[in-house]
């Protein structure tokens, strides 16, 4: 997973494989924030990157519901 315009290599990879991101997503509550993502051991700005990524990625039925504070919500299908 990479963030467009990332200014450091630390923001380039958080998960070794897509399946690991899918497992994290499946464990998150129906509505979640960077705080919930952080409970999985992801720290700093990476927590926010994960929330934005799952909200924007077509493999996840998820959308941003608040930008400040950043919160996302799983939608009806919950992803494939």
PDB file of N, CA and C in Angstrom:
ATOM      1  N   UNK A   1       0.853  -1.153   0.000  1.00  0.00           N
ATOM      2  CA  UNK A   1       0.000   0.000   0.000  1.00  0.00           C
ATOM      3  C   UNK A   1       0.899   1.215   0.000  1.00  0.00           C
ATOM      4  N   UNK A   2       0.639   2.167  -0.852  1.00  0.00           N
ATOM      5  CA  UNK A   2       1.442   3.382  -0.925  1.00  0.00           C
ATOM      6  C   UNK A   2       0.529   4.594  -0.915  1.00  0.00           C
ATOM      7  N   UNK A   3       1.023   5.666  -0.379  1.00  0.00           N
ATOM      8  CA  UNK A   3       0.265   6.914  -0.357  1.00  0.00           C
ATOM      9  C   UNK A   3       0.845   7.827  -1.421  1.00  0.00           C
ATOM     10  N   UNK A   4      -0.019   8.384  -2.242  1.00  0.00           N
ATOM     11  CA  UNK A   4       0.440   9.321  -3.252  1.00  0.00           C
ATOM     12  C   UNK A   4       1.140  10.484  -2.584  1.00  0.00           C
ATOM     13  N   UNK A   5       2.276  10.862  -3.100  1.00  0.00           N
ATOM     14  CA  UNK A   5       2.989  12.007  -2.571  1.00  0.00           C
ATOM     15  C   UNK A   5       3.648  11.759  -1.231  1.00  0.00           C
ATOM     16  N   UNK A   6       3.798  10.501  -0.845  1.00  0.00           N
ATOM     17  CA  UNK A   6       4.445  10.188   0.434  1.00  0.00           C
ATOM     18  C   UNK A   6       5.866  10.714   0.393  1.00  0.00           C
ATOM     19  N   UNK A   7       6.266  11.396   1.442  1.00  0.00           N
ATOM     20  CA  UNK A   7       7.589  11.995   1.456  1.00  0.00           C
ATOM     21  C   UNK A   7       8.614  11.134   2.183  1.00  0.00           C
ATOM     22  N   UNK A   8       8.213   9.958   2.619  1.00  0.00           N
ATOM     23  CA  UNK A   8       9.175   9.075   3.273  1.00  0.00           C
ATOM     24  C   UNK A   8       8.858   7.628   2.959  1.00  0.00           C
ATOM     25  N   UNK A   9       9.886   6.805   2.979  1.00  0.00           N
ATOM     26  CA  UNK A   9       9.697   5.378   2.720  1.00  0.00           C
ATOM     27  C   UNK A   9       8.855   4.737   3.817  1.00  0.00           C
ATOM     28  N   UNK A  10       8.794   5.349   4.987  1.00  0.00           N
ATOM     29  CA  UNK A  10       8.019   4.811   6.096  1.00  0.00           C
ATOM     30  C   UNK A  10       6.534   4.767   5.819  1.00  0.00           C
ATOM     31  N   UNK A  11       6.056   5.574   4.873  1.00  0.00           N
ATOM     32  CA  UNK A  11       4.644   5.578   4.524  1.00  0.00           C
ATOM     33  C   UNK A  11       4.344   4.711   3.311  1.00  0.00           C
ATOM     34  N   UNK A  12       5.350   4.054   2.746  1.00  0.00           N
ATOM     35  CA  UNK A  12       5.132   3.277   1.538  1.00  0.00           C
ATOM     36  C   UNK A  12       4.483   1.930   1.801  1.00  0.00           C
ATOM     37  N   UNK A  13       4.953   1.196   2.801  1.00  0.00           N
ATOM     38  CA  UNK A  13       4.434  -0.148   3.033  1.00  0.00           C
ATOM     39  C   UNK A  13       4.045  -0.311   4.493  1.00  0.00           C
ATOM     40  N   UNK A  14       2.852  -0.786   4.711  1.00  0.00           N
ATOM     41  CA  UNK A  14       2.389  -1.076   6.054  1.00  0.00           C
ATOM     42  C   UNK A  14       2.114  -2.567   6.175  1.00  0.00           C
ATOM     43  N   UNK A  15       1.653  -3.186   5.101  1.00  0.00           N
ATOM     44  CA  UNK A  15       1.283  -4.597   5.096  1.00  0.00           C
ATOM     45  C   UNK A  15       2.109  -5.349   4.064  1.00  0.00           C
ATOM     46  N   UNK A  16       2.574  -6.519   4.426  1.00  0.00           N
ATOM     47  CA  UNK A  16       3.368  -7.340   3.509  1.00  0.00           C
ATOM     48  C   UNK A  16       2.495  -7.908   2.387  1.00  0.00           C
ATOM     49  N   UNK A  17       1.222  -8.107   2.673  1.00  0.00           N
ATOM     50  CA  UNK A  17       0.318  -8.666   1.667  1.00  0.00           C
ATOM     51  C   UNK A  17      -1.085  -8.105   1.867  1.00  0.00           C
ATOM     52  N   UNK A  18      -1.857  -8.094   0.787  1.00  0.00           N
ATOM     53  CA  UNK A  18      -3.200  -7.524   0.822  1.00  0.00           C
ATOM     54  C   UNK A  18      -4.093  -8.277   1.806  1.00  0.00           C
ATOM     55  N   UNK A  19      -3.900  -9.571   1.933  1.00  0.00           N
ATOM     56  CA  UNK A  19      -4.724 -10.378   2.843  1.00  0.00           C
ATOM     57  C   UNK A  19      -4.608  -9.887   4.289  1.00  0.00           C
ATOM     58  N   UNK A  20      -3.453  -9.370   4.673  1.00  0.00           N
ATOM     59  CA  UNK A  20      -3.278  -8.851   6.028  1.00  0.00           C
ATOM     60  C   UNK A  20      -4.130  -7.599   6.239  1.00  0.00           C
ATOM     61  N   UNK A  21      -4.210  -6.755   5.226  1.00  0.00           N
ATOM     62  CA  UNK A  21      -5.072  -5.572   5.313  1.00  0.00           C
ATOM     63  C   UNK A  21      -6.535  -6.004   5.379  1.00  0.00           C
ATOM     64  N   UNK A  22      -6.918  -6.997   4.612  1.00  0.00           N
ATOM     65  CA  UNK A  22      -8.293  -7.509   4.622  1.00  0.00           C
ATOM     66  C   UNK A  22      -8.657  -8.045   6.009  1.00  0.00           C
ATOM     67  N   UNK A  23      -7.730  -8.762   6.646  1.00  0.00           N
ATOM     68  CA  UNK A  23      -8.001  -9.292   7.993  1.00  0.00           C
ATOM     69  C   UNK A  23      -8.188  -8.161   8.997  1.00  0.00           C
ATOM     70  N   UNK A  24      -7.361  -7.129   8.899  1.00  0.00           N
ATOM     71  CA  UNK A  24      -7.512  -5.981   9.786  1.00  0.00           C
ATOM     72  C   UNK A  24      -8.867  -5.324   9.559  1.00  0.00           C
ATOM     73  N   UNK A  25      -9.217  -5.097   8.313  1.00  0.00           N
ATOM     74  CA  UNK A  25     -10.497  -4.464   7.983  1.00  0.00           C
ATOM     75  C   UNK A  25     -11.670  -5.273   8.535  1.00  0.00           C
ATOM     76  N   UNK A  26     -11.614  -6.570   8.387  1.00  0.00           N
ATOM     77  CA  UNK A  26     -12.699  -7.431   8.865  1.00  0.00           C
ATOM     78  C   UNK A  26     -12.864  -7.353  10.386  1.00  0.00           C
ATOM     79  N   UNK A  27     -11.784  -7.080  11.102  1.00  0.00           N
ATOM     80  CA  UNK A  27     -11.842  -6.979  12.568  1.00  0.00           C
ATOM     81  C   UNK A  27     -12.314  -5.611  13.059  1.00  0.00           C
ATOM     82  N   UNK A  28     -12.294  -4.608  12.194  1.00  0.00           N
ATOM     83  CA  UNK A  28     -12.703  -3.263  12.605  1.00  0.00           C
ATOM     84  C   UNK A  28     -14.216  -3.195  12.802  1.00  0.00           C
ATOM     85  N   UNK A  29     -14.676  -2.306  13.702  1.00  0.00           N
ATOM     86  CA  UNK A  29     -16.123  -2.142  13.883  1.00  0.00           C
ATOM     87  C   UNK A  29     -16.767  -1.519  12.649  1.00  0.00           C
ATOM     88  N   UNK A  30     -18.088  -1.475  12.618  1.00  0.00           N
ATOM     89  CA  UNK A  30     -18.826  -0.948  11.468  1.00  0.00           C
ATOM     90  C   UNK A  30     -18.456   0.505  11.168  1.00  0.00           C
ATOM     91  N   UNK A  31     -18.175   1.280  12.185  1.00  0.00           N
ATOM     92  CA  UNK A  31     -17.676   2.646  12.007  1.00  0.00           C
ATOM     93  C   UNK A  31     -16.390   2.744  12.809  1.00  0.00           C
ATOM     94  N   UNK A  32     -15.345   3.283  12.200  1.00  0.00           N
ATOM     95  CA  UNK A  32     -14.041   3.276  12.857  1.00  0.00           C
ATOM     96  C   UNK A  32     -13.234   4.520  12.524  1.00  0.00           C
ATOM     97  N   UNK A  33     -12.238   4.759  13.359  1.00  0.00           N
ATOM     98  CA  UNK A  33     -11.338   5.897  13.191  1.00  0.00           C
ATOM     99  C   UNK A  33      -9.900   5.409  13.210  1.00  0.00           C
ATOM    100  N   UNK A  34      -8.980   6.334  13.115  1.00  0.00           N
ATOM    101  CA  UNK A  34      -7.559   5.983  13.198  1.00  0.00           C
ATOM    102  C   UNK A  34      -7.239   5.360  14.545  1.00  0.00           C
ATOM    103  N   UNK A  35      -7.981   5.734  15.576  1.00  0.00           N
ATOM    104  CA  UNK A  35      -7.741   5.166  16.906  1.00  0.00           C
ATOM    105  C   UNK A  35      -7.961   3.653  16.904  1.00  0.00           C
ATOM    106  N   UNK A  36      -9.047   3.192  16.305  1.00  0.00           N
ATOM    107  CA  UNK A  36      -9.310   1.748  16.235  1.00  0.00           C
ATOM    108  C   UNK A  36      -8.241   1.036  15.406  1.00  0.00           C
ATOM    109  N   UNK A  37      -7.807   1.654  14.318  1.00  0.00           N
ATOM    110  CA  UNK A  37      -6.744   1.065  13.504  1.00  0.00           C
ATOM    111  C   UNK A  37      -5.460   0.975  14.330  1.00  0.00           C
ATOM    112  N   UNK A  38      -5.206   1.985  15.152  1.00  0.00           N
ATOM    113  CA  UNK A  38      -4.016   2.007  15.993  1.00  0.00           C
ATOM    114  C   UNK A  38      -3.975   0.891  17.011  1.00  0.00           C
ATOM    115  N   UNK A  39      -5.113   0.397  17.414  1.00  0.00           N
ATOM    116  CA  UNK A  39      -5.156  -0.711  18.375  1.00  0.00           C
ATOM    117  C   UNK A  39      -4.589  -1.992  17.777  1.00  0.00           C
ATOM    118  N   UNK A  40      -4.466  -2.029  16.460  1.00  0.00           N
ATOM    119  CA  UNK A  40      -3.895  -3.201  15.788  1.00  0.00           C
ATOM    120  C   UNK A  40      -2.372  -3.080  15.676  1.00  0.00           C
ATOM    121  N   UNK A  41      -1.792  -2.055  16.308  1.00  0.00           N
ATOM    122  CA  UNK A  41      -0.341  -1.906  16.303  1.00  0.00           C
ATOM    123  C   UNK A  41       0.198  -0.979  15.238  1.00  0.00           C
ATOM    124  N   UNK A  42      -0.666  -0.338  14.477  1.00  0.00           N
ATOM    125  CA  UNK A  42      -0.236   0.609  13.454  1.00  0.00           C
ATOM    126  C   UNK A  42      -0.161   1.980  14.116  1.00  0.00           C
ATOM    127  N   UNK A  43       0.942   2.676  13.933  1.00  0.00           N
ATOM    128  CA  UNK A  43       1.165   3.921  14.657  1.00  0.00           C
ATOM    129  C   UNK A  43       1.273   5.129  13.734  1.00  0.00           C
ATOM    130  N   UNK A  44       1.229   6.293  14.342  1.00  0.00           N
ATOM    131  CA  UNK A  44       1.464   7.549  13.652  1.00  0.00           C
ATOM    132  C   UNK A  44       0.520   7.819  12.499  1.00  0.00           C
ATOM    133  N   UNK A  45       1.057   8.475  11.480  1.00  0.00           N
ATOM    134  CA  UNK A  45       0.242   8.858  10.323  1.00  0.00           C
ATOM    135  C   UNK A  45      -0.226   7.649   9.527  1.00  0.00           C
ATOM    136  N   UNK A  46       0.391   6.507   9.755  1.00  0.00           N
ATOM    137  CA  UNK A  46      -0.027   5.297   9.042  1.00  0.00           C
ATOM    138  C   UNK A  46      -1.468   4.914   9.385  1.00  0.00           C
ATOM    139  N   UNK A  47      -1.902   5.195  10.612  1.00  0.00           N
ATOM    140  CA  UNK A  47      -3.284   4.878  11.000  1.00  0.00           C
ATOM    141  C   UNK A  47      -4.264   5.617  10.092  1.00  0.00           C
ATOM    142  N   UNK A  48      -4.003   6.898   9.864  1.00  0.00           N
ATOM    143  CA  UNK A  48      -4.881   7.700   9.008  1.00  0.00           C
ATOM    144  C   UNK A  48      -4.796   7.235   7.552  1.00  0.00           C
ATOM    145  N   UNK A  49      -3.600   6.836   7.123  1.00  0.00           N
ATOM    146  CA  UNK A  49      -3.425   6.349   5.768  1.00  0.00           C
ATOM    147  C   UNK A  49      -4.260   5.089   5.545  1.00  0.00           C
ATOM    148  N   UNK A  50      -4.312   4.211   6.526  1.00  0.00           N
ATOM    149  CA  UNK A  50      -5.095   2.979   6.401  1.00  0.00           C
ATOM    150  C   UNK A  50      -6.581   3.309   6.292  1.00  0.00           C
ATOM    151  N   UNK A  51      -7.069   4.221   7.123  1.00  0.00           N
ATOM    152  CA  UNK A  51      -8.489   4.603   7.069  1.00  0.00           C
ATOM    153  C   UNK A  51      -8.822   5.151   5.683  1.00  0.00           C
ATOM    154  N   UNK A  52      -8.002   6.055   5.176  1.00  0.00           N
ATOM    155  CA  UNK A  52      -8.257   6.624   3.846  1.00  0.00           C
ATOM    156  C   UNK A  52      -8.159   5.556   2.757  1.00  0.00           C
ATOM    157  N   UNK A  53      -7.193   4.679   2.885  1.00  0.00           N
ATOM    158  CA  UNK A  53      -6.987   3.652   1.863  1.00  0.00           C
ATOM    159  C   UNK A  53      -8.195   2.730   1.732  1.00  0.00           C
ATOM    160  N   UNK A  54      -8.701   2.227   2.839  1.00  0.00           N
ATOM    161  CA  UNK A  54      -9.843   1.309   2.737  1.00  0.00           C
ATOM    162  C   UNK A  54     -11.092   2.042   2.263  1.00  0.00           C
ATOM    163  N   UNK A  55     -11.196   3.332   2.571  1.00  0.00           N
ATOM    164  CA  UNK A  55     -12.352   4.099   2.104  1.00  0.00           C
ATOM    165  C   UNK A  55     -12.285   4.351   0.595  1.00  0.00           C
ATOM    166  N   UNK A  56     -11.091   4.411   0.040  1.00  0.00           N
ATOM    167  CA  UNK A  56     -10.924   4.718  -1.384  1.00  0.00           C
ATOM    168  C   UNK A  56     -10.743   3.477  -2.260  1.00  0.00           C
ATOM    169  N   UNK A  57     -10.326   2.366  -1.676  1.00  0.00           N
ATOM    170  CA  UNK A  57     -10.017   1.167  -2.462  1.00  0.00           C
ATOM    171  C   UNK A  57     -11.302   0.446  -2.863  1.00  0.00           C
ATOM    172  N   UNK A  58     -11.435   0.054  -4.132  1.00  0.00           N
ATOM    173  CA  UNK A  58     -12.665  -0.605  -4.589  1.00  0.00           C
ATOM    174  C   UNK A  58     -12.913  -1.984  -3.969  1.00  0.00           C
ATOM    175  N   UNK A  59     -11.921  -2.594  -3.358  1.00  0.00           N
ATOM    176  CA  UNK A  59     -12.119  -3.916  -2.751  1.00  0.00           C
ATOM    177  C   UNK A  59     -12.847  -3.842  -1.414  1.00  0.00           C
ATOM    178  N   UNK A  60     -13.016  -2.625  -0.886  1.00  0.00           N
ATOM    179  CA  UNK A  60     -13.665  -2.455   0.414  1.00  0.00           C
ATOM    180  C   UNK A  60     -14.914  -1.597   0.247  1.00  0.00           C
ATOM    181  N   UNK A  61     -16.039  -2.078   0.795  1.00  0.00           N
ATOM    182  CA  UNK A  61     -17.266  -1.280   0.801  1.00  0.00           C
ATOM    183  C   UNK A  61     -17.209  -0.397   2.038  1.00  0.00           C
ATOM    184  N   UNK A  62     -16.646   0.779   1.861  1.00  0.00           N
ATOM    185  CA  UNK A  62     -16.374   1.656   2.984  1.00  0.00           C
ATOM    186  C   UNK A  62     -16.330   3.089   2.470  1.00  0.00           C
ATOM    187  N   UNK A  63     -16.702   4.025   3.316  1.00  0.00           N
ATOM    188  CA  UNK A  63     -16.650   5.435   2.922  1.00  0.00           C
ATOM    189  C   UNK A  63     -16.279   6.299   4.118  1.00  0.00           C
ATOM    190  N   UNK A  64     -15.649   7.432   3.821  1.00  0.00           N
ATOM    191  CA  UNK A  64     -15.323   8.402   4.862  1.00  0.00           C
ATOM    192  C   UNK A  64     -16.615   9.118   5.250  1.00  0.00           C
ATOM    193  N   UNK A  65     -16.901   9.173   6.542  1.00  0.00           N
ATOM    194  CA  UNK A  65     -18.101   9.861   7.013  1.00  0.00           C
ATOM    195  C   UNK A  65     -17.760  11.145   7.752  1.00  0.00           C
ATOM    196  N   UNK A  66     -16.496  11.319   8.121  1.00  0.00           N
ATOM    197  CA  UNK A  66     -16.052  12.536   8.796  1.00  0.00           C
ATOM    198  C   UNK A  66     -14.575  12.734   8.496  1.00  0.00           C
ATOM    199  N   UNK A  67     -14.213  13.951   8.150  1.00  0.00           N
ATOM    200  CA  UNK A  67     -12.810  14.243   7.853  1.00  0.00           C
ATOM    201  C   UNK A  67     -12.068  14.773   9.074  1.00  0.00           C
ATOM    202  N   UNK A  68     -12.786  15.355  10.004  1.00  0.00           N
ATOM    203  CA  UNK A  68     -12.136  15.895  11.207  1.00  0.00           C
ATOM    204  C   UNK A  68     -13.054  15.704  12.397  1.00  0.00           C
ATOM    205  N   UNK A  69     -12.843  14.701  13.201  1.00  0.00           N
ATOM    206  CA  UNK A  69     -11.800  13.694  13.096  1.00  0.00           C
ATOM    207  C   UNK A  69     -12.117  12.692  11.985  1.00  0.00           C
ATOM    208  N   UNK A  70     -11.063  12.098  11.447  1.00  0.00           N
ATOM    209  CA  UNK A  70     -11.223  11.138  10.359  1.00  0.00           C
ATOM    210  C   UNK A  70     -11.936   9.889  10.859  1.00  0.00           C
ATOM    211  N   UNK A  71     -13.097   9.588  10.239  1.00  0.00           N
ATOM    212  CA  UNK A  71     -13.867   8.392  10.568  1.00  0.00           C
ATOM    213  C   UNK A  71     -14.386   7.790   9.266  1.00  0.00           C
ATOM    214  N   UNK A  72     -14.446   6.479   9.229  1.00  0.00           N
ATOM    215  CA  UNK A  72     -14.970   5.762   8.064  1.00  0.00           C
ATOM    216  C   UNK A  72     -16.050   4.799   8.529  1.00  0.00           C
ATOM    217  N   UNK A  73     -16.906   4.416   7.593  1.00  0.00           N
ATOM    218  CA  UNK A  73     -18.014   3.519   7.908  1.00  0.00           C
ATOM    219  C   UNK A  73     -18.090   2.449   6.830  1.00  0.00           C
ATOM    220  N   UNK A  74     -18.239   1.197   7.286  1.00  0.00           N
ATOM    221  CA  UNK A  74     -18.450   0.102   6.351  1.00  0.00           C
ATOM    222  C   UNK A  74     -19.865   0.258   5.800  1.00  0.00           C
ATOM    223  N   UNK A  75     -19.999   0.057   4.509  1.00  0.00           N
ATOM    224  CA  UNK A  75     -21.318   0.181   3.882  1.00  0.00           C
ATOM    225  C   UNK A  75     -21.972  -1.187   3.779  1.00  0.00           C
ATOM    226  N   UNK A  76     -23.117  -1.231   3.187  1.00  0.00           N
ATOM    227  CA  UNK A  76     -23.969  -2.432   3.146  1.00  0.00           C
ATOM    228  C   UNK A  76     -23.246  -3.739   2.878  1.00  0.00           C
ATOM    229  N   UNK A  77     -22.457  -3.791   1.795  1.00  0.00           N
ATOM    230  CA  UNK A  77     -21.842  -5.060   1.399  1.00  0.00           C
ATOM    231  C   UNK A  77     -20.640  -5.463   2.234  1.00  0.00           C
ATOM    232  N   UNK A  78     -19.929  -4.497   2.799  1.00  0.00           N
ATOM    233  CA  UNK A  78     -18.751  -4.807   3.600  1.00  0.00           C
ATOM    234  C   UNK A  78     -17.543  -5.268   2.817  1.00  0.00           C
ATOM    235  N   UNK A  79     -17.614  -5.247   1.474  1.00  0.00           N
ATOM    236  CA  UNK A  79     -16.490  -5.669   0.632  1.00  0.00           C
ATOM    237  C   UNK A  79     -16.682  -7.082   0.135  1.00  0.00           C
ATOM    238  N   UNK A  80     -15.851  -7.495  -0.835  1.00  0.00           N
ATOM    239  CA  UNK A  80     -15.986  -8.842  -1.419  1.00  0.00           C
ATOM    240  C   UNK A  80     -15.569  -9.928  -0.448  1.00  0.00           C
TER     241      UNK A  80
END
